[in-house]
């Protein structure tokens, strides 16, 4: 495995996803980085911006099993992880596996279900396994959660607690397309009102699980230069010294940023990490892990703006 191979897969992945979804190159890249880095992604955008289609096409292009859960207020933990049901014919309990038993899990509108059900994903996201009636079941190395939430409508929602937000490697805004992209989208899908079926678009797999495992092993072998390590640590520590914040980034966040930077470098065909990788990833890795003070909220501040200010303040290694 070498970075040029990973870069080639990235380009082919974009091409296959674009058969169904126009644009969103940065979102596709972040999803691929997260998969290589064994992370999860929270996609935030208003309805109708192709978040579900993105997830479906992404999984199909990588030959990975895909399942979707529509999170609702009445969803129970057993609806997510599964449950043991007594079989009267055999006289034994039989495990009925929930939709969490897959590789790419789309947790649609994850903030519309109560904390008890949200918590059903915590172990799965952290350990890639679930425990049902005392027995632990492995979810496989490719398990990845792509969760969505609407940033506008908050009525009837349950905001994700900090512990669950921290399980997501990235929080990614999925915005409106550019003018040319929206025109292309209308040409592609303007003859239907229902969501298109992927089978109609002939998506060809560009990678598989063995590629994913080999790519991860290669990325783990990449060495970070001391100046890059110092830069990552300086950014994380700077978040803990901001008066606008009640809580800064944890050491785990710094490690996640370094891991993601390795993958981002490989996507560009490099076997070394540049400060540009850190700067591009930092808002997506750090922002959702920060807690604004009440004063900063009333002043109209944002966590992303704090991260951007820190990026401007911290000396960039050369």
Protein backbone atom coordinates (compact mmCIF):
# COMPACT_ATOMS: atom_id res chain seq x y z
CA UNK A 1 0.00 0.00 0.00
CA UNK A 2 1.19 3.53 -0.79
CA UNK A 3 -0.45 6.98 -0.68
CA UNK A 4 -0.85 7.13 -4.46
CA UNK A 5 -3.10 4.06 -4.28
CA UNK A 6 -5.24 5.70 -1.59
CA UNK A 7 -5.38 8.91 -3.63
CA UNK A 8 -6.54 6.95 -6.70
CA UNK A 9 -9.31 5.30 -4.68
CA UNK A 10 -10.38 8.71 -3.40
CA UNK A 11 -10.73 10.05 -6.95
CA UNK A 12 -12.69 7.00 -8.09
CA UNK A 13 -14.86 7.19 -4.97
CA UNK A 14 -15.78 10.78 -5.76
CA UNK A 15 -16.64 9.78 -9.32
CA UNK A 16 -18.94 6.95 -8.26
CA UNK A 17 -20.74 9.05 -5.62
CA UNK A 18 -21.19 11.80 -8.20
CA UNK A 19 -23.29 9.41 -10.28
CA UNK A 20 -25.98 10.05 -7.68
CA UNK A 21 -25.01 13.20 -5.72
CA UNK A 22 -23.66 16.32 -7.40
CA UNK A 23 -20.86 18.18 -5.60
CA UNK A 24 -20.07 17.82 -1.87
CA UNK A 25 -16.44 16.83 -2.61
CA UNK A 26 -15.21 18.05 0.78
CA UNK A 27 -17.92 16.06 2.58
CA UNK A 28 -17.01 12.91 0.64
CA UNK A 29 -13.35 13.40 1.51
CA UNK A 30 -14.12 13.88 5.21
CA UNK A 31 -16.26 10.74 5.25
CA UNK A 32 -13.43 8.77 3.62
CA UNK A 33 -10.87 10.22 6.04
CA UNK A 34 -13.12 9.24 8.95
CA UNK A 35 -13.48 5.68 7.66
CA UNK A 36 -9.71 5.31 7.26
CA UNK A 37 -9.19 6.82 10.73
CA UNK A 38 -11.82 4.55 12.34
CA UNK A 39 -13.99 7.53 13.16
CA UNK A 40 -17.63 8.56 12.89
CA UNK A 41 -19.22 11.60 11.25
CA UNK A 42 -22.10 13.86 12.25
CA UNK A 43 -23.59 15.47 9.15
CA UNK A 44 -25.52 18.65 9.90
CA UNK A 45 -27.76 20.21 7.29
CA UNK A 46 -31.33 21.15 6.47
CA UNK A 47 -33.57 18.52 4.86
CA UNK A 48 -33.13 17.97 1.15
CA UNK A 49 -29.35 18.44 0.93
CA UNK A 50 -28.67 14.78 -0.03
CA UNK A 51 -27.26 13.57 3.29
CA UNK A 52 -28.99 10.18 3.04
CA UNK A 53 -28.04 9.73 -0.61
CA UNK A 54 -24.44 10.61 0.22
CA UNK A 55 -24.29 7.90 2.87
CA UNK A 56 -25.91 5.28 0.65
CA UNK A 57 -23.69 6.01 -2.36
CA UNK A 58 -20.58 6.15 -0.16
CA UNK A 59 -21.26 2.66 1.25
CA UNK A 60 -22.12 1.22 -2.16
CA UNK A 61 -18.93 2.55 -3.75
CA UNK A 62 -16.86 0.91 -1.00
CA UNK A 63 -18.68 -2.48 -1.08
CA UNK A 64 -19.72 -2.08 2.55
CA UNK A 65 -23.06 -3.19 4.03
CA UNK A 66 -25.38 -0.28 4.75
CA UNK A 67 -28.38 0.15 7.04
CA UNK A 68 -30.45 3.16 8.04
CA UNK A 69 -32.29 3.96 11.26
CA UNK A 70 -34.87 6.74 11.32
CA UNK A 71 -34.55 8.05 14.87
CA UNK A 72 -37.91 9.00 16.40
CA UNK A 73 -39.12 9.88 19.94
CA UNK A 74 -40.57 6.39 20.44
CA UNK A 75 -37.50 4.46 19.27
CA UNK A 76 -36.20 2.07 21.93
CA UNK A 77 -32.60 0.84 22.50
CA UNK A 78 -33.63 -2.67 21.46
CA UNK A 79 -34.76 -1.26 18.10
CA UNK A 80 -31.15 -0.20 17.52
CA UNK A 81 -29.01 -3.04 18.91
CA UNK A 82 -31.49 -5.92 18.84
CA UNK A 83 -32.86 -8.23 21.50
CA UNK A 84 -33.07 -11.87 22.54
CA UNK A 85 -36.44 -13.44 21.72
CA UNK A 86 -37.61 -16.76 23.13
CA UNK A 87 -38.13 -19.42 20.45
CA UNK A 88 -40.87 -21.77 21.67
CA UNK A 89 -39.93 -24.43 19.11
CA UNK A 90 -36.36 -24.81 20.35
CA UNK A 91 -36.93 -23.64 23.93
CA UNK A 92 -34.04 -21.18 23.63
CA UNK A 93 -33.53 -17.47 23.34
CA UNK A 94 -32.48 -16.37 19.85
CA UNK A 95 -30.73 -13.10 19.12
CA UNK A 96 -32.59 -10.86 16.72
CA UNK A 97 -29.93 -8.47 15.53
CA UNK A 98 -30.76 -4.81 15.21
CA UNK A 99 -29.72 -2.53 12.34
CA UNK A 100 -26.53 -1.61 14.22
CA UNK A 101 -25.09 -4.88 12.91
CA UNK A 102 -23.71 -3.48 9.67
CA UNK A 103 -20.70 -1.56 8.40
CA UNK A 104 -22.06 1.87 7.46
CA UNK A 105 -24.93 2.85 9.75
CA UNK A 106 -26.93 5.96 8.88
CA UNK A 107 -28.43 7.32 12.10
CA UNK A 108 -30.94 9.69 10.52
CA UNK A 109 -32.03 12.65 12.68
CA UNK A 110 -30.17 11.19 15.64
CA UNK A 111 -31.23 14.07 17.90
CA UNK A 112 -34.94 13.20 17.58
CA UNK A 113 -34.71 10.23 19.93
CA UNK A 114 -34.43 10.40 23.76
CA UNK A 115 -31.04 10.10 25.52
CA UNK A 116 -31.71 6.49 26.54
CA UNK A 117 -31.85 5.42 22.89
CA UNK A 118 -29.02 7.74 21.86
CA UNK A 119 -26.90 6.01 24.49
CA UNK A 120 -27.46 2.68 22.75
CA UNK A 121 -24.92 3.88 20.18
CA UNK A 122 -22.23 4.88 22.69
CA UNK A 123 -20.64 1.45 23.12
CA UNK A 124 -21.02 0.70 19.42
CA UNK A 125 -19.22 3.89 18.42
CA UNK A 126 -16.45 3.59 20.98
CA UNK A 127 -15.76 -0.16 21.00
CA UNK A 128 -17.36 -1.36 17.75
CA UNK A 129 -19.34 -3.89 19.73
CA UNK A 130 -22.66 -4.08 21.58
CA UNK A 131 -23.66 -5.92 24.73
CA UNK A 132 -27.07 -7.61 24.78
CA UNK A 133 -28.15 -9.47 27.93
CA UNK A 134 -24.56 -9.71 29.10
CA UNK A 135 -23.15 -11.08 25.84
CA UNK A 136 -20.84 -8.88 23.75
CA UNK A 137 -21.17 -8.98 19.98
CA UNK A 138 -18.52 -7.60 17.62
CA UNK A 139 -19.62 -5.21 14.87
CA UNK A 140 -16.57 -5.60 12.66
CA UNK A 141 -13.66 -3.32 11.81
CA UNK A 142 -15.52 -1.34 9.14
CA UNK A 143 -18.33 -0.21 11.46
CA UNK A 144 -18.95 3.49 11.07
CA UNK A 145 -21.81 5.77 12.10
CA UNK A 146 -22.92 8.54 9.77
CA UNK A 147 -25.44 10.52 11.81
CA UNK A 148 -27.53 13.44 10.60
CA UNK A 149 -29.28 16.29 12.33
CA UNK A 150 -31.14 19.43 11.29
CA UNK A 151 -29.44 22.62 12.58
CA UNK A 152 -32.60 24.73 12.24
CA UNK A 153 -35.56 22.86 13.71
CA UNK A 154 -35.12 22.04 17.42
CA UNK A 155 -38.71 21.45 18.52
CA UNK A 156 -39.10 17.90 19.78
CA UNK A 157 -35.37 17.17 19.71
CA UNK A 158 -32.94 15.95 22.36
CA UNK A 159 -29.54 17.66 21.95
CA UNK A 160 -26.67 15.20 21.88
CA UNK A 161 -24.76 15.18 25.19
CA UNK A 162 -21.09 16.08 25.22
CA UNK A 163 -20.07 12.45 25.75
CA UNK A 164 -21.81 11.41 22.54
CA UNK A 165 -20.61 14.38 20.52
CA UNK A 166 -17.08 13.41 21.51
CA UNK A 167 -17.58 10.02 19.83
CA UNK A 168 -17.79 11.74 16.44
CA UNK A 169 -14.47 12.39 14.77
CA UNK A 170 -16.01 15.10 12.56
CA UNK A 171 -19.02 17.35 12.63
CA UNK A 172 -19.55 18.39 9.03
CA UNK A 173 -21.96 21.03 7.70
CA UNK A 174 -23.78 19.91 4.55
CA UNK A 175 -24.88 23.12 2.90
CA UNK A 176 -26.70 24.14 -0.23
CA UNK A 177 -25.01 23.38 -3.57
CA UNK A 178 -23.38 25.96 -5.78
CA UNK A 179 -25.42 27.30 -8.72
CA UNK A 180 -23.91 24.99 -11.35
CA UNK A 181 -24.17 22.00 -9.00
CA UNK A 182 -27.85 22.69 -8.32
CA UNK A 183 -28.53 22.94 -12.05
CA UNK A 184 -26.80 19.60 -12.59
CA UNK A 185 -28.78 18.08 -9.72
CA UNK A 186 -32.10 19.24 -11.21
CA UNK A 187 -31.12 17.79 -14.58
CA UNK A 188 -30.23 14.49 -12.89
CA UNK A 189 -33.18 14.14 -10.52
CA UNK A 190 -35.76 16.65 -11.80
CA UNK A 191 -38.02 13.94 -13.23
CA UNK A 192 -38.86 12.34 -9.86
CA UNK A 193 -40.17 13.26 -6.41
CA UNK A 194 -39.22 10.08 -4.51
CA UNK A 195 -35.65 9.34 -3.46
CA UNK A 196 -33.85 7.55 -6.33
CA UNK A 197 -32.81 3.92 -6.08
CA UNK A 198 -29.04 3.43 -6.23
CA UNK A 199 -29.42 0.45 -8.55
CA UNK A 200 -30.52 2.84 -11.29
CA UNK A 201 -27.12 4.56 -11.35
CA UNK A 202 -24.79 1.59 -11.72
CA UNK A 203 -22.39 2.48 -8.93
CA UNK A 204 -19.21 0.40 -9.27
CA UNK A 205 -17.27 -0.56 -6.12
CA UNK A 206 -13.85 1.11 -5.97
CA UNK A 207 -12.56 -0.62 -2.81
CA UNK A 208 -13.45 -3.31 -0.28
CA UNK A 209 -12.76 -4.37 3.30
CA UNK A 210 -9.27 -5.83 2.61
CA UNK A 211 -8.26 -2.50 1.03
CA UNK A 212 -9.60 -0.63 4.07
CA UNK A 213 -7.64 -2.79 6.52
CA UNK A 214 -4.45 -2.52 4.47
CA UNK A 215 -4.83 1.25 4.15
CA UNK A 216 -5.31 1.62 7.91
CA UNK A 217 -2.20 -0.44 8.60
CA UNK A 218 -0.22 1.75 6.21
CA UNK A 219 -1.50 5.00 7.77
CA UNK A 220 -0.62 3.77 11.26
CA UNK A 221 2.98 3.36 10.09
CA UNK A 222 3.30 6.98 8.94
CA UNK A 223 5.45 9.03 11.27
CA UNK A 224 4.44 12.52 12.31
CA UNK A 225 7.25 15.04 12.48
CA UNK A 226 7.93 16.61 15.85
CA UNK A 227 6.90 20.01 14.53
CA UNK A 228 3.49 18.62 13.48
CA UNK A 229 2.99 16.93 16.86
CA UNK A 230 3.87 20.21 18.61
CA UNK A 231 1.43 22.09 16.35
CA UNK A 232 -1.46 19.71 17.10
CA UNK A 233 -0.81 19.86 20.84
CA UNK A 234 -0.51 23.65 20.77
CA UNK A 235 -3.90 23.96 19.06
CA UNK A 236 -5.59 21.64 21.55
CA UNK A 237 -4.04 23.36 24.58
CA UNK A 238 -4.94 26.80 23.23
CA UNK A 239 -8.64 25.88 23.33
CA UNK A 240 -8.31 25.37 27.10
CA UNK A 241 -7.09 28.94 27.59
CA UNK A 242 -9.91 30.81 25.81
CA UNK A 243 -12.17 32.97 27.96
CA UNK A 244 -15.05 32.31 25.56
CA UNK A 245 -14.98 28.61 26.37
CA UNK A 246 -16.12 26.68 29.42
CA UNK A 247 -14.40 23.52 28.20
CA UNK A 248 -11.58 23.04 25.70
CA UNK A 249 -10.47 20.10 23.58
CA UNK A 250 -9.34 16.93 25.34
CA UNK A 251 -6.09 15.04 24.73
CA UNK A 252 -8.21 12.48 22.86
CA UNK A 253 -9.27 15.23 20.46
CA UNK A 254 -5.60 16.01 19.76
CA UNK A 255 -4.89 12.35 19.03
CA UNK A 256 -7.92 12.16 16.74
CA UNK A 257 -6.73 15.24 14.85
CA UNK A 258 -3.31 13.66 14.30
CA UNK A 259 -4.86 10.38 13.12
CA UNK A 260 -7.17 12.16 10.68
CA UNK A 261 -4.25 14.23 9.36
CA UNK A 262 -2.42 11.06 8.33
CA UNK A 263 -5.44 9.95 6.31
CA UNK A 264 -5.92 13.37 4.75
CA UNK A 265 -2.29 13.42 3.63
CA UNK A 266 -2.72 10.02 1.96
CA UNK A 267 -5.83 11.24 0.15
CA UNK A 268 -3.60 13.86 -1.45
CA UNK A 269 -0.99 11.21 -2.38
CA UNK A 270 1.54 12.14 0.33
CA UNK A 271 3.33 10.00 2.91
CA UNK A 272 3.87 12.99 5.22
CA UNK A 273 1.56 15.40 7.04
CA UNK A 274 1.61 19.13 6.33
CA UNK A 275 0.32 21.95 8.55
CA UNK A 276 -2.32 22.48 5.84
CA UNK A 277 -3.81 19.09 6.73
CA UNK A 278 -4.14 20.12 10.36
CA UNK A 279 -5.64 23.49 9.48
CA UNK A 280 -8.20 21.97 7.09
CA UNK A 281 -9.31 19.34 9.60
CA UNK A 282 -9.16 21.29 12.88
CA UNK A 283 -12.57 23.05 12.64
CA UNK A 284 -14.30 19.73 11.92
CA UNK A 285 -12.46 17.87 14.70
CA UNK A 286 -12.41 20.48 17.47
CA UNK A 287 -15.47 22.73 17.15
CA UNK A 288 -18.13 20.31 18.37
CA UNK A 289 -15.97 19.36 21.37
CA UNK A 290 -15.90 22.88 22.78
CA UNK A 291 -18.40 24.48 25.17
CA UNK A 292 -19.13 28.19 24.80
CA UNK A 293 -19.56 30.34 27.90
CA UNK A 294 -22.92 32.02 28.44
CA UNK A 295 -21.35 35.41 27.77
CA UNK A 296 -19.96 34.24 24.42
CA UNK A 297 -23.36 32.79 23.44
CA UNK A 298 -25.15 36.05 24.21
CA UNK A 299 -22.52 37.94 22.22
CA UNK A 300 -23.26 35.77 19.19
CA UNK A 301 -20.00 33.83 19.29
CA UNK A 302 -19.53 30.41 17.78
CA UNK A 303 -17.25 27.50 18.49
CA UNK A 304 -16.04 27.43 14.89
CA UNK A 305 -15.04 31.09 15.11
CA UNK A 306 -13.01 30.34 18.25
CA UNK A 307 -11.15 27.56 16.45
CA UNK A 308 -10.48 29.81 13.46
CA UNK A 309 -9.11 32.52 15.78
CA UNK A 310 -6.79 29.98 17.42
CA UNK A 311 -5.56 28.82 14.01
CA UNK A 312 -4.63 32.42 13.23
CA UNK A 313 -2.89 32.90 16.58
CA UNK A 314 -0.77 29.74 16.78
CA UNK A 315 2.49 29.83 14.83
CA UNK A 316 2.41 27.52 11.82
CA UNK A 317 5.48 25.27 11.53
CA UNK A 318 7.54 25.65 8.37
